[in-house]
């Protein structure tokens, strides 16, 4: 069974949501250029001053994404 992994980038400050949304643009560009598979790329506002950008990938592909993109953290996706 192949688990899904959520790689996460944290952004803080009053512009955190805009920065997270812009980071998603770069994640989409990266996957398109290298023709990499993923489940979801999105951003989420956690609070007024804290947002995240994330990509959900297969566990088998996680190392490729992790080494190239340097996420702040990761977790098993639901």
C-alpha atoms as a PDB file:
ATOM      1  CA  UNK A   1       0.000   0.000   0.000  1.00  0.00           C
ATOM      2  CA  UNK A   2       1.336   3.418  -0.968  1.00  0.00           C
ATOM      3  CA  UNK A   3       0.649   6.227   1.495  1.00  0.00           C
ATOM      4  CA  UNK A   4       0.096   9.846   0.517  1.00  0.00           C
ATOM      5  CA  UNK A   5       2.508  12.381   2.008  1.00  0.00           C
ATOM      6  CA  UNK A   6       1.693  16.060   2.505  1.00  0.00           C
ATOM      7  CA  UNK A   7       4.777  18.284   2.195  1.00  0.00           C
ATOM      8  CA  UNK A   8       4.211  21.652   3.871  1.00  0.00           C
ATOM      9  CA  UNK A   9       5.746  25.128   3.743  1.00  0.00           C
ATOM     10  CA  UNK A  10       4.893  27.542   6.582  1.00  0.00           C
ATOM     11  CA  UNK A  11       4.509  31.290   6.032  1.00  0.00           C
ATOM     12  CA  UNK A  12       3.979  33.867   8.755  1.00  0.00           C
ATOM     13  CA  UNK A  13       3.059  37.534   8.810  1.00  0.00           C
ATOM     14  CA  UNK A  14       0.277  39.750   7.434  1.00  0.00           C
ATOM     15  CA  UNK A  15       1.037  38.688   3.824  1.00  0.00           C
ATOM     16  CA  UNK A  16       1.341  34.971   4.616  1.00  0.00           C
ATOM     17  CA  UNK A  17      -1.673  33.880   2.538  1.00  0.00           C
ATOM     18  CA  UNK A  18      -0.516  35.758  -0.568  1.00  0.00           C
ATOM     19  CA  UNK A  19       2.963  34.274  -0.200  1.00  0.00           C
ATOM     20  CA  UNK A  20       1.542  30.758   0.246  1.00  0.00           C
ATOM     21  CA  UNK A  21      -0.670  31.179  -2.832  1.00  0.00           C
ATOM     22  CA  UNK A  22       2.325  32.372  -4.851  1.00  0.00           C
ATOM     23  CA  UNK A  23       4.392  29.422  -3.621  1.00  0.00           C
ATOM     24  CA  UNK A  24       1.710  27.128  -5.069  1.00  0.00           C
ATOM     25  CA  UNK A  25       2.362  28.663  -8.498  1.00  0.00           C
ATOM     26  CA  UNK A  26       5.996  27.575  -8.224  1.00  0.00           C
ATOM     27  CA  UNK A  27       5.015  24.093  -7.050  1.00  0.00           C
ATOM     28  CA  UNK A  28       2.755  23.699 -10.089  1.00  0.00           C
ATOM     29  CA  UNK A  29       5.524  24.928 -12.395  1.00  0.00           C
ATOM     30  CA  UNK A  30       7.986  22.448 -10.870  1.00  0.00           C
ATOM     31  CA  UNK A  31       5.639  19.498 -11.368  1.00  0.00           C
ATOM     32  CA  UNK A  32       4.857  20.541 -14.959  1.00  0.00           C
ATOM     33  CA  UNK A  33       8.495  20.996 -15.976  1.00  0.00           C
ATOM     34  CA  UNK A  34       9.601  17.663 -14.517  1.00  0.00           C
ATOM     35  CA  UNK A  35       6.307  15.887 -15.374  1.00  0.00           C
ATOM     36  CA  UNK A  36       5.842  14.694 -11.796  1.00  0.00           C
ATOM     37  CA  UNK A  37       2.640  13.195 -10.434  1.00  0.00           C
ATOM     38  CA  UNK A  38       0.859  14.662  -7.414  1.00  0.00           C
ATOM     39  CA  UNK A  39      -2.600  14.615  -5.850  1.00  0.00           C
ATOM     40  CA  UNK A  40      -3.086  18.187  -4.739  1.00  0.00           C
ATOM     41  CA  UNK A  41      -1.323  21.534  -4.553  1.00  0.00           C
ATOM     42  CA  UNK A  42      -3.020  24.171  -2.444  1.00  0.00           C
ATOM     43  CA  UNK A  43      -2.697  26.869   0.195  1.00  0.00           C
ATOM     44  CA  UNK A  44      -4.576  27.265   3.442  1.00  0.00           C
ATOM     45  CA  UNK A  45      -4.977  30.169   5.843  1.00  0.00           C
ATOM     46  CA  UNK A  46      -4.568  28.866   9.368  1.00  0.00           C
ATOM     47  CA  UNK A  47      -4.936  32.272  11.041  1.00  0.00           C
ATOM     48  CA  UNK A  48      -4.620  35.942  10.120  1.00  0.00           C
ATOM     49  CA  UNK A  49      -0.814  35.758  10.353  1.00  0.00           C
ATOM     50  CA  UNK A  50      -0.114  32.108   9.489  1.00  0.00           C
ATOM     51  CA  UNK A  51      -0.700  30.245   6.214  1.00  0.00           C
ATOM     52  CA  UNK A  52       0.682  27.143   4.558  1.00  0.00           C
ATOM     53  CA  UNK A  53       1.314  25.920   1.043  1.00  0.00           C
ATOM     54  CA  UNK A  54       1.325  22.175   0.472  1.00  0.00           C
ATOM     55  CA  UNK A  55       1.613  19.403  -2.068  1.00  0.00           C
ATOM     56  CA  UNK A  56       0.322  15.856  -1.601  1.00  0.00           C
ATOM     57  CA  UNK A  57       2.418  13.154  -3.284  1.00  0.00           C
ATOM     58  CA  UNK A  58       2.874   9.397  -3.204  1.00  0.00           C
ATOM     59  CA  UNK A  59       5.250   8.233  -0.494  1.00  0.00           C
ATOM     60  CA  UNK A  60       7.442   6.602  -3.126  1.00  0.00           C
ATOM     61  CA  UNK A  61       7.974  10.022  -4.786  1.00  0.00           C
ATOM     62  CA  UNK A  62       8.427  11.974  -1.550  1.00  0.00           C
ATOM     63  CA  UNK A  63      12.253  11.921  -1.570  1.00  0.00           C
ATOM     64  CA  UNK A  64      12.353  13.495  -5.041  1.00  0.00           C
ATOM     65  CA  UNK A  65      10.097  16.343  -3.947  1.00  0.00           C
ATOM     66  CA  UNK A  66      11.733  16.749  -0.529  1.00  0.00           C
ATOM     67  CA  UNK A  67      15.278  16.981  -1.874  1.00  0.00           C
ATOM     68  CA  UNK A  68      14.387  19.402  -4.665  1.00  0.00           C
ATOM     69  CA  UNK A  69      11.896  21.656  -2.857  1.00  0.00           C
ATOM     70  CA  UNK A  70      13.041  21.650   0.795  1.00  0.00           C
ATOM     71  CA  UNK A  71       9.653  21.679   2.562  1.00  0.00           C
ATOM     72  CA  UNK A  72       9.550  22.837   6.170  1.00  0.00           C
ATOM     73  CA  UNK A  73       7.800  19.668   7.283  1.00  0.00           C
ATOM     74  CA  UNK A  74       5.704  16.725   6.156  1.00  0.00           C
ATOM     75  CA  UNK A  75       2.969  14.449   7.412  1.00  0.00           C
ATOM     76  CA  UNK A  76       0.955  11.475   6.284  1.00  0.00           C
ATOM     77  CA  UNK A  77      -2.028  12.833   4.352  1.00  0.00           C
ATOM     78  CA  UNK A  78      -5.547  11.763   5.244  1.00  0.00           C
END
